[in-house]
Amino acid sequence: MAGHRPPRRPKKRSRHVQKQLDSLFPGLWLTEVTADFYKVPESVENGKR
């Protein structure tokens, strides 16, 4: 305990670190893409579609 409250907002990443993250994960800034786009409908039990 340092005796004071933590800041309300976290500190920004450095530009160097953010560029590395952008090169590793280029789609992170896409807000329209969600996990719902990757859901696969379940097939019928008999193997028919």
Protein backbone atom coordinates (compact mmCIF):
# COMPACT_ATOMS: atom_id res chain seq x y z
CA MET A 1 0.00 0.00 0.00
CA ALA A 2 1.51 3.25 -1.11
CA GLY A 3 -0.93 5.47 0.74
CA HIS A 4 -2.71 6.96 -2.27
CA ARG A 5 -5.34 5.87 -4.74
CA PRO A 6 -4.30 4.46 -8.12
CA PRO A 7 -4.98 6.59 -11.22
CA ARG A 8 -8.42 6.29 -12.78
CA ARG A 9 -7.11 5.52 -16.26
CA PRO A 10 -4.25 3.16 -17.02
CA LYS A 11 -1.17 4.68 -18.61
CA LYS A 12 -0.82 4.49 -22.38
CA ARG A 13 1.54 1.97 -23.93
CA SER A 14 4.70 3.31 -25.47
CA ARG A 15 4.62 3.76 -29.23
CA HIS A 16 7.26 1.04 -29.70
CA VAL A 17 5.26 -1.55 -27.76
CA GLN A 18 2.01 -0.62 -29.51
CA LYS A 19 3.63 -1.03 -32.94
CA GLN A 20 4.87 -4.49 -31.96
CA LEU A 21 1.38 -5.47 -30.84
CA ASP A 22 -0.14 -4.11 -34.05
CA SER A 23 2.26 -6.18 -36.14
CA LEU A 24 1.48 -9.33 -34.15
CA PHE A 25 -2.30 -8.84 -34.01
CA PRO A 26 -3.30 -6.62 -36.97
CA GLY A 27 -7.05 -7.05 -36.49
CA LEU A 28 -7.32 -5.80 -32.91
CA TRP A 29 -8.45 -2.36 -34.02
CA LEU A 30 -11.42 -3.81 -35.96
CA THR A 31 -14.41 -3.19 -33.72
CA GLU A 32 -16.96 -4.72 -36.10
CA VAL A 33 -15.47 -8.21 -35.85
CA THR A 34 -16.75 -10.07 -32.81
CA ALA A 35 -16.76 -13.67 -31.64
CA ASP A 36 -20.31 -14.07 -33.03
CA PHE A 37 -18.91 -14.04 -36.59
CA TYR A 38 -17.02 -17.24 -35.85
CA LYS A 39 -19.93 -19.30 -34.54
CA VAL A 40 -20.66 -22.38 -36.63
CA PRO A 41 -24.25 -23.64 -36.74
CA GLU A 42 -24.63 -27.14 -35.37
CA SER A 43 -25.48 -29.84 -37.88
CA VAL A 44 -28.33 -32.36 -37.66
CA GLU A 45 -27.55 -35.58 -35.75
CA ASN A 46 -28.04 -37.86 -38.80
CA GLY A 47 -25.34 -36.07 -40.77
CA LYS A 48 -27.87 -34.41 -43.10
CA ARG A 49 -27.78 -30.69 -43.61
